[in-house]
């Protein structure tokens, strides 16, 4: 495993995890007052769902030996 690739994936993940609550607050400002909490919770639910998908499939696609651009599902 290349340390540069691992660092890039971790840095990208950290930026996305910071962006998700901000996106929830942005969308919360576009809806009525009674729907703000639901909109923010949708963003956090999607963050949790994508985290589970990363554990199940994404890690092996990023780091398993395979083709030139994408790994296998090993």
PDB file of N, CA and C in Angstrom:
ATOM      1  N   UNK A   1       0.838  -1.179   0.000  1.00  0.00           N
ATOM      2  CA  UNK A   1       0.000   0.000   0.000  1.00  0.00           C
ATOM      3  C   UNK A   1       0.883   1.243   0.000  1.00  0.00           C
ATOM      4  N   UNK A   2       0.557   2.160  -0.848  1.00  0.00           N
ATOM      5  CA  UNK A   2       1.308   3.401  -0.959  1.00  0.00           C
ATOM      6  C   UNK A   2       0.826   4.389   0.102  1.00  0.00           C
ATOM      7  N   UNK A   3       1.748   4.948   0.858  1.00  0.00           N
ATOM      8  CA  UNK A   3       1.362   5.879   1.926  1.00  0.00           C
ATOM      9  C   UNK A   3       0.767   7.167   1.376  1.00  0.00           C
ATOM     10  N   UNK A   4       1.214   7.588   0.204  1.00  0.00           N
ATOM     11  CA  UNK A   4       0.649   8.795  -0.409  1.00  0.00           C
ATOM     12  C   UNK A   4      -0.809   8.608  -0.796  1.00  0.00           C
ATOM     13  N   UNK A   5      -1.127   7.447  -1.360  1.00  0.00           N
ATOM     14  CA  UNK A   5      -2.518   7.160  -1.716  1.00  0.00           C
ATOM     15  C   UNK A   5      -3.401   7.109  -0.476  1.00  0.00           C
ATOM     16  N   UNK A   6      -2.892   6.473   0.570  1.00  0.00           N
ATOM     17  CA  UNK A   6      -3.662   6.376   1.812  1.00  0.00           C
ATOM     18  C   UNK A   6      -3.890   7.751   2.426  1.00  0.00           C
ATOM     19  N   UNK A   7      -2.862   8.588   2.419  1.00  0.00           N
ATOM     20  CA  UNK A   7      -3.001   9.940   2.962  1.00  0.00           C
ATOM     21  C   UNK A   7      -4.005  10.760   2.156  1.00  0.00           C
ATOM     22  N   UNK A   8      -3.989  10.598   0.819  1.00  0.00           N
ATOM     23  CA  UNK A   8      -4.928  11.336  -0.028  1.00  0.00           C
ATOM     24  C   UNK A   8      -6.365  10.917   0.261  1.00  0.00           C
ATOM     25  N   UNK A   9      -6.606   9.615   0.396  1.00  0.00           N
ATOM     26  CA  UNK A   9      -7.958   9.135   0.678  1.00  0.00           C
ATOM     27  C   UNK A   9      -8.423   9.611   2.051  1.00  0.00           C
ATOM     28  N   UNK A  10      -7.550   9.582   3.045  1.00  0.00           N
ATOM     29  CA  UNK A  10      -7.928  10.057   4.384  1.00  0.00           C
ATOM     30  C   UNK A  10      -8.197  11.557   4.398  1.00  0.00           C
ATOM     31  N   UNK A  11      -7.392  12.330   3.693  1.00  0.00           N
ATOM     32  CA  UNK A  11      -7.621  13.774   3.630  1.00  0.00           C
ATOM     33  C   UNK A  11      -8.927  14.093   2.904  1.00  0.00           C
ATOM     34  N   UNK A  12      -9.190  13.392   1.825  1.00  0.00           N
ATOM     35  CA  UNK A  12     -10.444  13.606   1.098  1.00  0.00           C
ATOM     36  C   UNK A  12     -11.639  13.240   1.963  1.00  0.00           C
ATOM     37  N   UNK A  13     -11.531  12.148   2.695  1.00  0.00           N
ATOM     38  CA  UNK A  13     -12.605  11.721   3.581  1.00  0.00           C
ATOM     39  C   UNK A  13     -12.862  12.752   4.672  1.00  0.00           C
ATOM     40  N   UNK A  14     -11.791  13.300   5.236  1.00  0.00           N
ATOM     41  CA  UNK A  14     -11.953  14.309   6.280  1.00  0.00           C
ATOM     42  C   UNK A  14     -12.649  15.560   5.735  1.00  0.00           C
ATOM     43  N   UNK A  15     -12.304  15.969   4.528  1.00  0.00           N
ATOM     44  CA  UNK A  15     -12.949  17.145   3.937  1.00  0.00           C
ATOM     45  C   UNK A  15     -14.427  16.893   3.660  1.00  0.00           C
ATOM     46  N   UNK A  16     -14.764  15.703   3.203  1.00  0.00           N
ATOM     47  CA  UNK A  16     -16.164  15.385   2.958  1.00  0.00           C
ATOM     48  C   UNK A  16     -16.941  15.336   4.265  1.00  0.00           C
ATOM     49  N   UNK A  17     -16.319  14.800   5.320  1.00  0.00           N
ATOM     50  CA  UNK A  17     -17.007  14.739   6.619  1.00  0.00           C
ATOM     51  C   UNK A  17     -17.213  16.130   7.208  1.00  0.00           C
ATOM     52  N   UNK A  18     -16.362  17.075   6.883  1.00  0.00           N
ATOM     53  CA  UNK A  18     -16.577  18.460   7.306  1.00  0.00           C
ATOM     54  C   UNK A  18     -17.635  19.143   6.446  1.00  0.00           C
ATOM     55  N   UNK A  19     -17.692  18.755   5.179  1.00  0.00           N
ATOM     56  CA  UNK A  19     -18.610  19.391   4.254  1.00  0.00           C
ATOM     57  C   UNK A  19     -20.063  18.971   4.506  1.00  0.00           C
ATOM     58  N   UNK A  20     -20.283  17.745   4.961  1.00  0.00           N
ATOM     59  CA  UNK A  20     -21.636  17.220   5.085  1.00  0.00           C
ATOM     60  C   UNK A  20     -22.506  18.009   6.064  1.00  0.00           C
ATOM     61  N   UNK A  21     -22.053  18.304   7.287  1.00  0.00           N
ATOM     62  CA  UNK A  21     -22.899  19.132   8.160  1.00  0.00           C
ATOM     63  C   UNK A  21     -23.125  20.541   7.584  1.00  0.00           C
ATOM     64  N   UNK A  22     -22.106  21.085   6.942  1.00  0.00           N
ATOM     65  CA  UNK A  22     -22.268  22.416   6.342  1.00  0.00           C
ATOM     66  C   UNK A  22     -23.316  22.388   5.241  1.00  0.00           C
ATOM     67  N   UNK A  23     -23.337  21.327   4.469  1.00  0.00           N
ATOM     68  CA  UNK A  23     -24.342  21.189   3.423  1.00  0.00           C
ATOM     69  C   UNK A  23     -25.739  21.051   4.028  1.00  0.00           C
ATOM     70  N   UNK A  24     -25.833  20.341   5.152  1.00  0.00           N
ATOM     71  CA  UNK A  24     -27.119  20.225   5.842  1.00  0.00           C
ATOM     72  C   UNK A  24     -27.618  21.571   6.332  1.00  0.00           C
ATOM     73  N   UNK A  25     -26.730  22.385   6.871  1.00  0.00           N
ATOM     74  CA  UNK A  25     -27.131  23.720   7.318  1.00  0.00           C
ATOM     75  C   UNK A  25     -27.496  24.619   6.137  1.00  0.00           C
ATOM     76  N   UNK A  26     -26.770  24.467   5.026  1.00  0.00           N
ATOM     77  CA  UNK A  26     -27.102  25.247   3.834  1.00  0.00           C
ATOM     78  C   UNK A  26     -28.504  24.905   3.344  1.00  0.00           C
ATOM     79  N   UNK A  27     -28.785  23.617   3.197  1.00  0.00           N
ATOM     80  CA  UNK A  27     -30.114  23.201   2.755  1.00  0.00           C
ATOM     81  C   UNK A  27     -31.170  23.535   3.798  1.00  0.00           C
ATOM     82  N   UNK A  28     -30.784  23.527   5.082  1.00  0.00           N
ATOM     83  CA  UNK A  28     -31.716  23.918   6.136  1.00  0.00           C
ATOM     84  C   UNK A  28     -32.155  25.361   6.003  1.00  0.00           C
ATOM     85  N   UNK A  29     -31.284  26.200   5.451  1.00  0.00           N
ATOM     86  CA  UNK A  29     -31.654  27.590   5.236  1.00  0.00           C
ATOM     87  C   UNK A  29     -32.588  27.796   4.064  1.00  0.00           C
ATOM     88  N   UNK A  30     -32.748  26.774   3.244  1.00  0.00           N
ATOM     89  CA  UNK A  30     -33.600  26.902   2.067  1.00  0.00           C
ATOM     90  C   UNK A  30     -35.012  26.378   2.298  1.00  0.00           C
ATOM     91  N   UNK A  31     -35.257  25.754   3.447  1.00  0.00           N
ATOM     92  CA  UNK A  31     -36.578  25.179   3.714  1.00  0.00           C
ATOM     93  C   UNK A  31     -37.270  25.980   4.808  1.00  0.00           C
ATOM     94  N   UNK A  32     -38.513  25.626   5.073  1.00  0.00           N
ATOM     95  CA  UNK A  32     -39.244  26.301   6.138  1.00  0.00           C
ATOM     96  C   UNK A  32     -38.647  25.938   7.493  1.00  0.00           C
ATOM     97  N   UNK A  33     -38.929  26.744   8.471  1.00  0.00           N
ATOM     98  CA  UNK A  33     -38.341  26.594   9.794  1.00  0.00           C
ATOM     99  C   UNK A  33     -38.623  25.235  10.420  1.00  0.00           C
ATOM    100  N   UNK A  34     -39.809  24.689  10.199  1.00  0.00           N
ATOM    101  CA  UNK A  34     -40.173  23.419  10.822  1.00  0.00           C
ATOM    102  C   UNK A  34     -39.455  22.224  10.185  1.00  0.00           C
ATOM    103  N   UNK A  35     -38.838  22.402   9.011  1.00  0.00           N
ATOM    104  CA  UNK A  35     -38.179  21.301   8.311  1.00  0.00           C
ATOM    105  C   UNK A  35     -36.656  21.334   8.411  1.00  0.00           C
ATOM    106  N   UNK A  36     -36.104  22.261   9.168  1.00  0.00           N
ATOM    107  CA  UNK A  36     -34.650  22.411   9.232  1.00  0.00           C
ATOM    108  C   UNK A  36     -34.005  21.187   9.857  1.00  0.00           C
ATOM    109  N   UNK A  37     -34.512  20.717  10.966  1.00  0.00           N
ATOM    110  CA  UNK A  37     -33.904  19.570  11.644  1.00  0.00           C
ATOM    111  C   UNK A  37     -33.954  18.319  10.771  1.00  0.00           C
ATOM    112  N   UNK A  38     -35.052  18.095  10.097  1.00  0.00           N
ATOM    113  CA  UNK A  38     -35.165  16.933   9.214  1.00  0.00           C
ATOM    114  C   UNK A  38     -34.151  17.017   8.073  1.00  0.00           C
ATOM    115  N   UNK A  39     -33.937  18.204   7.540  1.00  0.00           N
ATOM    116  CA  UNK A  39     -32.986  18.374   6.454  1.00  0.00           C
ATOM    117  C   UNK A  39     -31.565  18.105   6.929  1.00  0.00           C
ATOM    118  N   UNK A  40     -31.215  18.584   8.101  1.00  0.00           N
ATOM    119  CA  UNK A  40     -29.885  18.335   8.651  1.00  0.00           C
ATOM    120  C   UNK A  40     -29.715  16.847   8.965  1.00  0.00           C
ATOM    121  N   UNK A  41     -30.734  16.211   9.491  1.00  0.00           N
ATOM    122  CA  UNK A  41     -30.651  14.787   9.808  1.00  0.00           C
ATOM    123  C   UNK A  41     -30.512  13.941   8.545  1.00  0.00           C
ATOM    124  N   UNK A  42     -31.112  14.370   7.442  1.00  0.00           N
ATOM    125  CA  UNK A  42     -30.929  13.651   6.179  1.00  0.00           C
ATOM    126  C   UNK A  42     -29.459  13.657   5.771  1.00  0.00           C
ATOM    127  N   UNK A  43     -28.785  14.768   5.950  1.00  0.00           N
ATOM    128  CA  UNK A  43     -27.366  14.842   5.607  1.00  0.00           C
ATOM    129  C   UNK A  43     -26.539  13.901   6.476  1.00  0.00           C
ATOM    130  N   UNK A  44     -26.827  13.849   7.770  1.00  0.00           N
ATOM    131  CA  UNK A  44     -26.083  12.960   8.652  1.00  0.00           C
ATOM    132  C   UNK A  44     -26.402  11.493   8.380  1.00  0.00           C
ATOM    133  N   UNK A  45     -27.631  11.196   8.004  1.00  0.00           N
ATOM    134  CA  UNK A  45     -27.986   9.823   7.658  1.00  0.00           C
ATOM    135  C   UNK A  45     -27.230   9.368   6.417  1.00  0.00           C
ATOM    136  N   UNK A  46     -27.136  10.217   5.428  1.00  0.00           N
ATOM    137  CA  UNK A  46     -26.396   9.882   4.216  1.00  0.00           C
ATOM    138  C   UNK A  46     -24.917   9.699   4.530  1.00  0.00           C
ATOM    139  N   UNK A  47     -24.363  10.521   5.422  1.00  0.00           N
ATOM    140  CA  UNK A  47     -22.966  10.362   5.833  1.00  0.00           C
ATOM    141  C   UNK A  47     -22.760   8.990   6.464  1.00  0.00           C
ATOM    142  N   UNK A  48     -23.673   8.562   7.330  1.00  0.00           N
ATOM    143  CA  UNK A  48     -23.562   7.241   7.959  1.00  0.00           C
ATOM    144  C   UNK A  48     -23.697   6.127   6.928  1.00  0.00           C
ATOM    145  N   UNK A  49     -24.625   6.273   6.002  1.00  0.00           N
ATOM    146  CA  UNK A  49     -24.838   5.255   4.980  1.00  0.00           C
ATOM    147  C   UNK A  49     -23.616   5.107   4.073  1.00  0.00           C
ATOM    148  N   UNK A  50     -23.041   6.202   3.659  1.00  0.00           N
ATOM    149  CA  UNK A  50     -21.862   6.151   2.804  1.00  0.00           C
ATOM    150  C   UNK A  50     -20.665   5.599   3.570  1.00  0.00           C
ATOM    151  N   UNK A  51     -20.571   5.862   4.870  1.00  0.00           N
ATOM    152  CA  UNK A  51     -19.492   5.281   5.671  1.00  0.00           C
ATOM    153  C   UNK A  51     -19.588   3.763   5.691  1.00  0.00           C
ATOM    154  N   UNK A  52     -20.778   3.235   5.825  1.00  0.00           N
ATOM    155  CA  UNK A  52     -20.965   1.778   5.803  1.00  0.00           C
ATOM    156  C   UNK A  52     -20.617   1.217   4.431  1.00  0.00           C
ATOM    157  N   UNK A  53     -21.020   1.900   3.366  1.00  0.00           N
ATOM    158  CA  UNK A  53     -20.693   1.430   2.026  1.00  0.00           C
ATOM    159  C   UNK A  53     -19.184   1.454   1.786  1.00  0.00           C
ATOM    160  N   UNK A  54     -18.489   2.419   2.338  1.00  0.00           N
ATOM    161  CA  UNK A  54     -17.037   2.480   2.204  1.00  0.00           C
ATOM    162  C   UNK A  54     -16.404   1.273   2.873  1.00  0.00           C
ATOM    163  N   UNK A  55     -16.887   0.921   4.053  1.00  0.00           N
ATOM    164  CA  UNK A  55     -16.328  -0.234   4.763  1.00  0.00           C
ATOM    165  C   UNK A  55     -16.594  -1.517   3.985  1.00  0.00           C
ATOM    166  N   UNK A  56     -17.788  -1.659   3.423  1.00  0.00           N
ATOM    167  CA  UNK A  56     -18.151  -2.905   2.754  1.00  0.00           C
ATOM    168  C   UNK A  56     -17.514  -3.056   1.367  1.00  0.00           C
ATOM    169  N   UNK A  57     -17.477  -2.000   0.551  1.00  0.00           N
ATOM    170  CA  UNK A  57     -17.003  -2.128  -0.827  1.00  0.00           C
ATOM    171  C   UNK A  57     -15.913  -1.140  -1.212  1.00  0.00           C
ATOM    172  N   UNK A  58     -15.973   0.055  -0.718  1.00  0.00           N
ATOM    173  CA  UNK A  58     -15.090   1.115  -1.197  1.00  0.00           C
ATOM    174  C   UNK A  58     -13.620   0.887  -0.914  1.00  0.00           C
ATOM    175  N   UNK A  59     -13.296   0.365   0.263  1.00  0.00           N
ATOM    176  CA  UNK A  59     -11.901   0.162   0.626  1.00  0.00           C
ATOM    177  C   UNK A  59     -11.236  -0.801  -0.337  1.00  0.00           C
ATOM    178  N   UNK A  60     -11.922  -1.905  -0.640  1.00  0.00           N
ATOM    179  CA  UNK A  60     -11.316  -2.881  -1.546  1.00  0.00           C
ATOM    180  C   UNK A  60     -11.228  -2.331  -2.973  1.00  0.00           C
ATOM    181  N   UNK A  61     -12.181  -1.518  -3.388  1.00  0.00           N
ATOM    182  CA  UNK A  61     -12.094  -0.916  -4.720  1.00  0.00           C
ATOM    183  C   UNK A  61     -10.947   0.086  -4.812  1.00  0.00           C
ATOM    184  N   UNK A  62     -10.626   0.725  -3.696  1.00  0.00           N
ATOM    185  CA  UNK A  62      -9.555   1.719  -3.708  1.00  0.00           C
ATOM    186  C   UNK A  62      -8.173   1.090  -3.555  1.00  0.00           C
ATOM    187  N   UNK A  63      -8.049   0.021  -2.754  1.00  0.00           N
ATOM    188  CA  UNK A  63      -6.719  -0.458  -2.386  1.00  0.00           C
ATOM    189  C   UNK A  63      -6.407  -1.885  -2.802  1.00  0.00           C
ATOM    190  N   UNK A  64      -7.368  -2.692  -3.251  1.00  0.00           N
ATOM    191  CA  UNK A  64      -7.081  -4.071  -3.632  1.00  0.00           C
ATOM    192  C   UNK A  64      -6.375  -4.093  -4.986  1.00  0.00           C
ATOM    193  N   UNK A  65      -5.506  -5.070  -5.194  1.00  0.00           N
ATOM    194  CA  UNK A  65      -4.875  -5.162  -6.507  1.00  0.00           C
ATOM    195  C   UNK A  65      -5.910  -5.462  -7.579  1.00  0.00           C
ATOM    196  N   UNK A  66      -5.736  -4.846  -8.704  1.00  0.00           N
ATOM    197  CA  UNK A  66      -6.700  -5.012  -9.790  1.00  0.00           C
ATOM    198  C   UNK A  66      -6.199  -4.326 -11.041  1.00  0.00           C
ATOM    199  N   UNK A  67      -7.062  -3.574 -11.683  1.00  0.00           N
ATOM    200  CA  UNK A  67      -6.707  -2.875 -12.911  1.00  0.00           C
ATOM    201  C   UNK A  67      -5.842  -1.657 -12.637  1.00  0.00           C
ATOM    202  N   UNK A  68      -5.667  -0.860 -13.689  1.00  0.00           N
ATOM    203  CA  UNK A  68      -4.814   0.319 -13.576  1.00  0.00           C
ATOM    204  C   UNK A  68      -5.462   1.429 -12.758  1.00  0.00           C
ATOM    205  N   UNK A  69      -6.789   1.552 -12.809  1.00  0.00           N
ATOM    206  CA  UNK A  69      -7.453   2.666 -12.155  1.00  0.00           C
ATOM    207  C   UNK A  69      -8.334   2.258 -10.985  1.00  0.00           C
ATOM    208  N   UNK A  70      -8.779   1.020 -10.953  1.00  0.00           N
ATOM    209  CA  UNK A  70      -9.684   0.584  -9.899  1.00  0.00           C
ATOM    210  C   UNK A  70      -9.267  -0.809  -9.454  1.00  0.00           C
ATOM    211  N   UNK A  71      -9.370  -1.052  -8.174  1.00  0.00           N
ATOM    212  CA  UNK A  71      -9.004  -2.344  -7.622  1.00  0.00           C
ATOM    213  C   UNK A  71     -10.110  -3.365  -7.798  1.00  0.00           C
ATOM    214  N   UNK A  72      -9.891  -4.517  -7.251  1.00  0.00           N
ATOM    215  CA  UNK A  72     -10.893  -5.567  -7.313  1.00  0.00           C
ATOM    216  C   UNK A  72     -11.757  -5.552  -6.061  1.00  0.00           C
ATOM    217  N   UNK A  73     -12.655  -6.467  -5.987  1.00  0.00           N
ATOM    218  CA  UNK A  73     -13.510  -6.598  -4.791  1.00  0.00           C
ATOM    219  C   UNK A  73     -13.010  -7.739  -3.899  1.00  0.00           C
ATOM    220  N   UNK A  74     -11.688  -7.895  -3.812  1.00  0.00           N
ATOM    221  CA  UNK A  74     -11.102  -8.967  -3.003  1.00  0.00           C
ATOM    222  C   UNK A  74     -11.125  -8.648  -1.529  1.00  0.00           C
TER     223      UNK A  74
END
